Amino acid sequence: MLLLGALSARGVEPRTIIFFGDSLTAGYGLADPTSQSYPALIQEKIDEAGLPWRIVNAGLSGETTSAGLRRVDWILRQSVDIFVLALGANDGLRGINPSVSRDNLQKIVERVRAKNPKVKILLAGMQIPPAMGSEFSREFEKMFPAVAEKYDATLVPFLLEGVGGRVELNQADRIRPTAKGHAIIADTVWKVLRPLL
């Protein structure tokens, strides 16, 4: 296994992947988010592959797309080569109009691209239960591929694929994944992220 320290010793400066999301990204409720969250598990996969990349976990519990838009400039004070945008779940749970969420996601992507026009964007899609109504759920789900297509971003169709709705893979709140759930999310994201590296 080739770690970042070894890469630096060989004169290879690691490039940066920022995971910009909410509690799902932050690893809320895990015993050790710094090692069990899906971004941390992806860093392990990167290290095992001997790739010169470092992950910055910029997940913040409770974050909406509006709050993310206000916060993104602060995050972008550091260099970024790949930006993983994983926001929107809290918008859906709060019933925020998908057109508002979509506009916020687009503005975040635009600010990231303004900072570094060559940055690769990976957008994590979300789905919500039909409690808000089937029309709302459909509009919410459609906004992620629409934003990805508009900005030529790589799409993870559903961040919680294989995890969402499975009681044994979620914490007591039935929303946030357990450590086993995060391991599945890491595999889902890795399949899409790996070719970008």
C-alpha atoms as a PDB file:
ATOM      1  CA  MET A   1       0.000   0.000   0.000  1.00  0.00           C
ATOM      2  CA  LEU A   2       1.425   3.361  -1.058  1.00  0.00           C
ATOM      3  CA  LEU A   3       0.442   6.178   1.299  1.00  0.00           C
ATOM      4  CA  LEU A   4       0.476   9.911   0.675  1.00  0.00           C
ATOM      5  CA  GLY A   5       3.658  10.312   2.702  1.00  0.00           C
ATOM      6  CA  ALA A   6       5.486   7.929   0.394  1.00  0.00           C
ATOM      7  CA  LEU A   7       4.144   9.747  -2.644  1.00  0.00           C
ATOM      8  CA  SER A   8       5.338  13.087  -1.290  1.00  0.00           C
ATOM      9  CA  ALA A   9       8.755  11.603  -0.586  1.00  0.00           C
ATOM     10  CA  ARG A  10       8.930  10.617  -4.258  1.00  0.00           C
ATOM     11  CA  GLY A  11       8.136  14.198  -5.259  1.00  0.00           C
ATOM     12  CA  VAL A  12       4.542  13.504  -6.280  1.00  0.00           C
ATOM     13  CA  GLU A  13       2.249  16.181  -4.895  1.00  0.00           C
ATOM     14  CA  PRO A  14      -1.190  14.744  -4.205  1.00  0.00           C
ATOM     15  CA  ARG A  15      -4.138  16.300  -5.995  1.00  0.00           C
ATOM     16  CA  THR A  16      -7.284  17.187  -4.083  1.00  0.00           C
ATOM     17  CA  ILE A  17     -10.798  15.760  -4.052  1.00  0.00           C
ATOM     18  CA  ILE A  18     -13.311  17.746  -2.025  1.00  0.00           C
ATOM     19  CA  PHE A  19     -16.443  15.973  -0.829  1.00  0.00           C
ATOM     20  CA  PHE A  20     -18.987  18.748  -0.285  1.00  0.00           C
ATOM     21  CA  GLY A  21     -22.107  17.422   1.366  1.00  0.00           C
ATOM     22  CA  ASP A  22     -24.332  17.066   4.395  1.00  0.00           C
ATOM     23  CA  SER A  23     -24.504  14.601   7.320  1.00  0.00           C
ATOM     24  CA  LEU A  24     -24.308  11.654   4.919  1.00  0.00           C
ATOM     25  CA  THR A  25     -20.863  12.871   3.844  1.00  0.00           C
ATOM     26  CA  ALA A  26     -19.820  14.024   7.318  1.00  0.00           C
ATOM     27  CA  GLY A  27     -20.544  10.571   8.732  1.00  0.00           C
ATOM     28  CA  TYR A  28     -22.957  11.818  11.387  1.00  0.00           C
ATOM     29  CA  GLY A  29     -23.701   9.221  14.057  1.00  0.00           C
ATOM     30  CA  LEU A  30     -20.773   6.941  13.255  1.00  0.00           C
ATOM     31  CA  ALA A  31     -18.434   5.891  16.054  1.00  0.00           C
ATOM     32  CA  ASP A  32     -15.461   7.315  14.119  1.00  0.00           C
ATOM     33  CA  PRO A  33     -16.423   9.419  11.079  1.00  0.00           C
ATOM     34  CA  THR A  34     -12.758  10.062  10.278  1.00  0.00           C
ATOM     35  CA  SER A  35     -12.306   6.384   9.402  1.00  0.00           C
ATOM     36  CA  GLN A  36     -15.852   5.079   8.778  1.00  0.00           C
ATOM     37  CA  SER A  37     -17.473   7.738   6.568  1.00  0.00           C
ATOM     38  CA  TYR A  38     -17.643   6.945   2.873  1.00  0.00           C
ATOM     39  CA  PRO A  39     -15.083   9.666   1.942  1.00  0.00           C
ATOM     40  CA  ALA A  40     -12.627   8.143   4.458  1.00  0.00           C
ATOM     41  CA  LEU A  41     -13.202   4.690   2.975  1.00  0.00           C
ATOM     42  CA  ILE A  42     -12.597   6.047  -0.513  1.00  0.00           C
ATOM     43  CA  GLN A  43      -9.305   7.535   0.716  1.00  0.00           C
ATOM     44  CA  GLU A  44      -8.359   4.007   1.788  1.00  0.00           C
ATOM     45  CA  LYS A  45      -9.128   2.728  -1.717  1.00  0.00           C
ATOM     46  CA  ILE A  46      -7.034   5.532  -3.222  1.00  0.00           C
ATOM     47  CA  ASP A  47      -4.107   4.732  -0.922  1.00  0.00           C
ATOM     48  CA  GLU A  48      -4.353   1.009  -1.683  1.00  0.00           C
ATOM     49  CA  ALA A  49      -4.221   1.815  -5.397  1.00  0.00           C
ATOM     50  CA  GLY A  50      -1.133   4.001  -4.846  1.00  0.00           C
ATOM     51  CA  LEU A  51      -2.802   7.027  -6.419  1.00  0.00           C
ATOM     52  CA  PRO A  52      -1.595  10.578  -5.615  1.00  0.00           C
ATOM     53  CA  TRP A  53      -4.898  11.956  -4.359  1.00  0.00           C
ATOM     54  CA  ARG A  54      -6.029  13.299  -1.003  1.00  0.00           C
ATOM     55  CA  ILE A  55      -9.612  13.682   0.135  1.00  0.00           C
ATOM     56  CA  VAL A  56     -10.996  16.640   2.046  1.00  0.00           C
ATOM     57  CA  ASN A  57     -14.266  15.787   3.770  1.00  0.00           C
ATOM     58  CA  ALA A  58     -16.262  19.031   3.724  1.00  0.00           C
ATOM     59  CA  GLY A  59     -19.490  17.424   4.865  1.00  0.00           C
ATOM     60  CA  LEU A  60     -21.605  19.460   7.279  1.00  0.00           C
ATOM     61  CA  SER A  61     -24.622  18.006   9.045  1.00  0.00           C
ATOM     62  CA  GLY A  62     -27.905  19.739   8.260  1.00  0.00           C
ATOM     63  CA  GLU A  63     -26.550  21.421   5.126  1.00  0.00           C
ATOM     64  CA  THR A  64     -29.057  22.408   2.434  1.00  0.00           C
ATOM     65  CA  THR A  65     -28.167  23.516  -1.076  1.00  0.00           C
ATOM     66  CA  SER A  66     -28.808  27.137  -0.014  1.00  0.00           C
ATOM     67  CA  ALA A  67     -26.419  26.837   2.927  1.00  0.00           C
ATOM     68  CA  GLY A  68     -23.902  25.060   0.707  1.00  0.00           C
ATOM     69  CA  LEU A  69     -24.019  27.919  -1.766  1.00  0.00           C
ATOM     70  CA  ARG A  70     -23.205  30.340   1.059  1.00  0.00           C
ATOM     71  CA  ARG A  71     -20.339  28.119   2.299  1.00  0.00           C
ATOM     72  CA  VAL A  72     -18.712  27.019  -0.948  1.00  0.00           C
ATOM     73  CA  ASP A  73     -16.483  30.072  -1.446  1.00  0.00           C
ATOM     74  CA  TRP A  74     -14.862  29.427   1.931  1.00  0.00           C
ATOM     75  CA  ILE A  75     -14.194  25.781   0.984  1.00  0.00           C
ATOM     76  CA  LEU A  76     -12.740  26.865  -2.359  1.00  0.00           C
ATOM     77  CA  ARG A  77      -9.930  28.802  -0.673  1.00  0.00           C
ATOM     78  CA  GLN A  78      -7.946  25.574  -1.102  1.00  0.00           C
ATOM     79  CA  SER A  79      -7.069  23.961  -4.405  1.00  0.00           C
ATOM     80  CA  VAL A  80      -9.483  21.432  -5.865  1.00  0.00           C
ATOM     81  CA  ASP A  81      -9.112  19.026  -8.783  1.00  0.00           C
ATOM     82  CA  ILE A  82     -12.261  16.947  -8.308  1.00  0.00           C
ATOM     83  CA  PHE A  83     -15.329  18.332  -6.561  1.00  0.00           C
ATOM     84  CA  VAL A  84     -17.892  15.821  -5.308  1.00  0.00           C
ATOM     85  CA  LEU A  85     -21.197  17.633  -4.779  1.00  0.00           C
ATOM     86  CA  ALA A  86     -23.471  15.625  -2.500  1.00  0.00           C
ATOM     87  CA  LEU A  87     -26.153  18.060  -1.393  1.00  0.00           C
ATOM     88  CA  GLY A  88     -29.913  18.040  -1.729  1.00  0.00           C
ATOM     89  CA  ALA A  89     -31.153  15.391   0.705  1.00  0.00           C
ATOM     90  CA  ASN A  90     -32.088  17.973   3.357  1.00  0.00           C
ATOM     91  CA  ASP A  91     -33.850  20.087   0.735  1.00  0.00           C
ATOM     92  CA  GLY A  92     -36.020  17.112  -0.146  1.00  0.00           C
ATOM     93  CA  LEU A  93     -36.788  16.260   3.457  1.00  0.00           C
ATOM     94  CA  ARG A  94     -37.782  19.883   4.133  1.00  0.00           C
ATOM     95  CA  GLY A  95     -39.992  20.131   1.060  1.00  0.00           C
ATOM     96  CA  ILE A  96     -37.940  22.880  -0.593  1.00  0.00           C
ATOM     97  CA  ASN A  97     -39.064  23.489  -4.161  1.00  0.00           C
ATOM     98  CA  PRO A  98     -36.796  21.420  -6.463  1.00  0.00           C
ATOM     99  CA  SER A  99     -36.405  24.426  -8.777  1.00  0.00           C
ATOM    100  CA  VAL A 100     -34.774  26.330  -5.892  1.00  0.00           C
ATOM    101  CA  SER A 101     -32.505  23.381  -5.078  1.00  0.00           C
ATOM    102  CA  ARG A 102     -31.582  22.950  -8.734  1.00  0.00           C
ATOM    103  CA  ASP A 103     -30.675  26.625  -9.039  1.00  0.00           C
ATOM    104  CA  ASN A 104     -28.461  26.375  -5.951  1.00  0.00           C
ATOM    105  CA  LEU A 105     -26.699  23.260  -7.259  1.00  0.00           C
ATOM    106  CA  GLN A 106     -26.045  25.012 -10.565  1.00  0.00           C
ATOM    107  CA  LYS A 107     -24.615  28.068  -8.835  1.00  0.00           C
ATOM    108  CA  ILE A 108     -22.330  25.888  -6.699  1.00  0.00           C
ATOM    109  CA  VAL A 109     -21.019  24.145  -9.830  1.00  0.00           C
ATOM    110  CA  GLU A 110     -20.492  27.517 -11.522  1.00  0.00           C
ATOM    111  CA  ARG A 111     -18.487  28.836  -8.564  1.00  0.00           C
ATOM    112  CA  VAL A 112     -16.327  25.717  -8.482  1.00  0.00           C
ATOM    113  CA  ARG A 113     -15.665  25.984 -12.218  1.00  0.00           C
ATOM    114  CA  ALA A 114     -14.878  29.701 -11.857  1.00  0.00           C
ATOM    115  CA  LYS A 115     -12.207  28.782  -9.301  1.00  0.00           C
ATOM    116  CA  ASN A 116     -10.726  26.078 -11.548  1.00  0.00           C
ATOM    117  CA  PRO A 117     -12.165  25.664 -15.070  1.00  0.00           C
ATOM    118  CA  LYS A 118     -10.457  22.255 -15.370  1.00  0.00           C
ATOM    119  CA  VAL A 119     -12.020  20.841 -12.202  1.00  0.00           C
ATOM    120  CA  LYS A 120     -13.974  17.619 -12.610  1.00  0.00           C
ATOM    121  CA  ILE A 121     -17.400  17.642 -11.003  1.00  0.00           C
ATOM    122  CA  LEU A 122     -19.027  14.514  -9.628  1.00  0.00           C
ATOM    123  CA  LEU A 123     -22.675  15.032  -8.657  1.00  0.00           C
ATOM    124  CA  ALA A 124     -24.329  12.600  -6.258  1.00  0.00           C
ATOM    125  CA  GLY A 125     -28.006  12.098  -7.009  1.00  0.00           C
ATOM    126  CA  MET A 126     -30.589  11.584  -4.298  1.00  0.00           C
ATOM    127  CA  GLN A 127     -34.105  10.236  -4.008  1.00  0.00           C
ATOM    128  CA  ILE A 128     -36.667  10.848  -1.311  1.00  0.00           C
ATOM    129  CA  PRO A 129     -39.608   8.827  -0.018  1.00  0.00           C
ATOM    130  CA  PRO A 130     -42.963   9.716  -1.628  1.00  0.00           C
ATOM    131  CA  ALA A 131     -44.226  11.369   1.581  1.00  0.00           C
ATOM    132  CA  MET A 132     -44.028  14.789  -0.115  1.00  0.00           C
ATOM    133  CA  GLY A 133     -46.119  13.527  -3.017  1.00  0.00           C
ATOM    134  CA  SER A 134     -45.167  11.602  -6.134  1.00  0.00           C
ATOM    135  CA  GLU A 135     -44.859  14.711  -8.317  1.00  0.00           C
ATOM    136  CA  PHE A 136     -42.456  16.357  -5.865  1.00  0.00           C
ATOM    137  CA  SER A 137     -40.405  13.150  -5.635  1.00  0.00           C
ATOM    138  CA  ARG A 138     -40.142  12.885  -9.422  1.00  0.00           C
ATOM    139  CA  GLU A 139     -39.106  16.524  -9.854  1.00  0.00           C
ATOM    140  CA  PHE A 140     -36.580  16.184  -7.047  1.00  0.00           C
ATOM    141  CA  GLU A 141     -35.003  13.056  -8.534  1.00  0.00           C
ATOM    142  CA  LYS A 142     -34.864  14.536 -12.057  1.00  0.00           C
ATOM    143  CA  MET A 143     -32.917  17.650 -11.026  1.00  0.00           C
ATOM    144  CA  PHE A 144     -29.640  15.767 -10.452  1.00  0.00           C
ATOM    145  CA  PRO A 145     -29.253  14.260 -13.934  1.00  0.00           C
ATOM    146  CA  ALA A 146     -30.430  17.574 -15.422  1.00  0.00           C
ATOM    147  CA  VAL A 147     -27.695  19.535 -13.616  1.00  0.00           C
ATOM    148  CA  ALA A 148     -25.088  16.884 -14.459  1.00  0.00           C
ATOM    149  CA  GLU A 149     -26.004  17.016 -18.142  1.00  0.00           C
ATOM    150  CA  LYS A 150     -26.032  20.808 -18.280  1.00  0.00           C
ATOM    151  CA  TYR A 151     -22.561  21.133 -16.764  1.00  0.00           C
ATOM    152  CA  ASP A 152     -20.977  17.977 -18.189  1.00  0.00           C
ATOM    153  CA  ALA A 153     -20.580  16.561 -14.697  1.00  0.00           C
ATOM    154  CA  THR A 154     -20.217  12.894 -13.818  1.00  0.00           C
ATOM    155  CA  LEU A 155     -23.329  11.540 -12.091  1.00  0.00           C
ATOM    156  CA  VAL A 156     -23.728   9.004  -9.318  1.00  0.00           C
ATOM    157  CA  PRO A 157     -27.431   8.302 -10.013  1.00  0.00           C
ATOM    158  CA  PHE A 158     -28.343   7.543  -6.376  1.00  0.00           C
ATOM    159  CA  LEU A 159     -25.857   8.020  -3.537  1.00  0.00           C
ATOM    160  CA  LEU A 160     -27.744   5.630  -1.249  1.00  0.00           C
ATOM    161  CA  GLU A 161     -28.129   2.845  -3.823  1.00  0.00           C
ATOM    162  CA  GLY A 162     -28.487  -0.448  -1.938  1.00  0.00           C
ATOM    163  CA  VAL A 163     -28.601   1.392   1.394  1.00  0.00           C
ATOM    164  CA  GLY A 164     -31.656   3.674   1.400  1.00  0.00           C
ATOM    165  CA  GLY A 165     -34.701   2.047   2.972  1.00  0.00           C
ATOM    166  CA  ARG A 166     -32.770  -0.931   4.348  1.00  0.00           C
ATOM    167  CA  VAL A 167     -33.266  -0.900   8.114  1.00  0.00           C
ATOM    168  CA  GLU A 168     -30.181  -3.017   8.827  1.00  0.00           C
ATOM    169  CA  LEU A 169     -27.912  -0.524   7.019  1.00  0.00           C
ATOM    170  CA  ASN A 170     -29.254   2.632   8.651  1.00  0.00           C
ATOM    171  CA  GLN A 171     -29.092   4.167  12.086  1.00  0.00           C
ATOM    172  CA  ALA A 172     -32.114   4.396  14.368  1.00  0.00           C
ATOM    173  CA  ASP A 173     -33.334   7.516  12.525  1.00  0.00           C
ATOM    174  CA  ARG A 174     -33.649   5.345   9.355  1.00  0.00           C
ATOM    175  CA  ILE A 175     -32.053   8.169   7.373  1.00  0.00           C
ATOM    176  CA  ARG A 176     -28.333   8.108   8.079  1.00  0.00           C
ATOM    177  CA  PRO A 177     -26.317   4.992   7.208  1.00  0.00           C
ATOM    178  CA  THR A 178     -24.410   2.797   9.615  1.00  0.00           C
ATOM    179  CA  ALA A 179     -20.739   1.961   9.080  1.00  0.00           C
ATOM    180  CA  LYS A 180     -21.816  -0.991   6.897  1.00  0.00           C
ATOM    181  CA  GLY A 181     -24.024   1.373   4.916  1.00  0.00           C
ATOM    182  CA  HIS A 182     -21.119   3.764   4.393  1.00  0.00           C
ATOM    183  CA  ALA A 183     -19.008   0.883   3.062  1.00  0.00           C
ATOM    184  CA  ILE A 184     -21.648   0.246   0.382  1.00  0.00           C
ATOM    185  CA  ILE A 185     -21.831   3.969  -0.470  1.00  0.00           C
ATOM    186  CA  ALA A 186     -18.039   4.045  -0.796  1.00  0.00           C
ATOM    187  CA  ASP A 187     -18.205   1.192  -3.316  1.00  0.00           C
ATOM    188  CA  THR A 188     -20.986   2.946  -5.256  1.00  0.00           C
ATOM    189  CA  VAL A 189     -19.066   6.227  -5.482  1.00  0.00           C
ATOM    190  CA  TRP A 190     -15.717   4.528  -6.155  1.00  0.00           C
ATOM    191  CA  LYS A 191     -17.048   2.851  -9.315  1.00  0.00           C
ATOM    192  CA  VAL A 192     -17.810   6.290 -10.761  1.00  0.00           C
ATOM    193  CA  LEU A 193     -14.891   8.203  -9.243  1.00  0.00           C
ATOM    194  CA  ARG A 194     -12.098   5.753 -10.081  1.00  0.00           C
ATOM    195  CA  PRO A 195     -12.079   6.463 -13.857  1.00  0.00           C
ATOM    196  CA  LEU A 196     -11.715  10.200 -13.107  1.00  0.00           C
ATOM    197  CA  LEU A 197      -8.425   9.603 -11.279  1.00  0.00           C
END
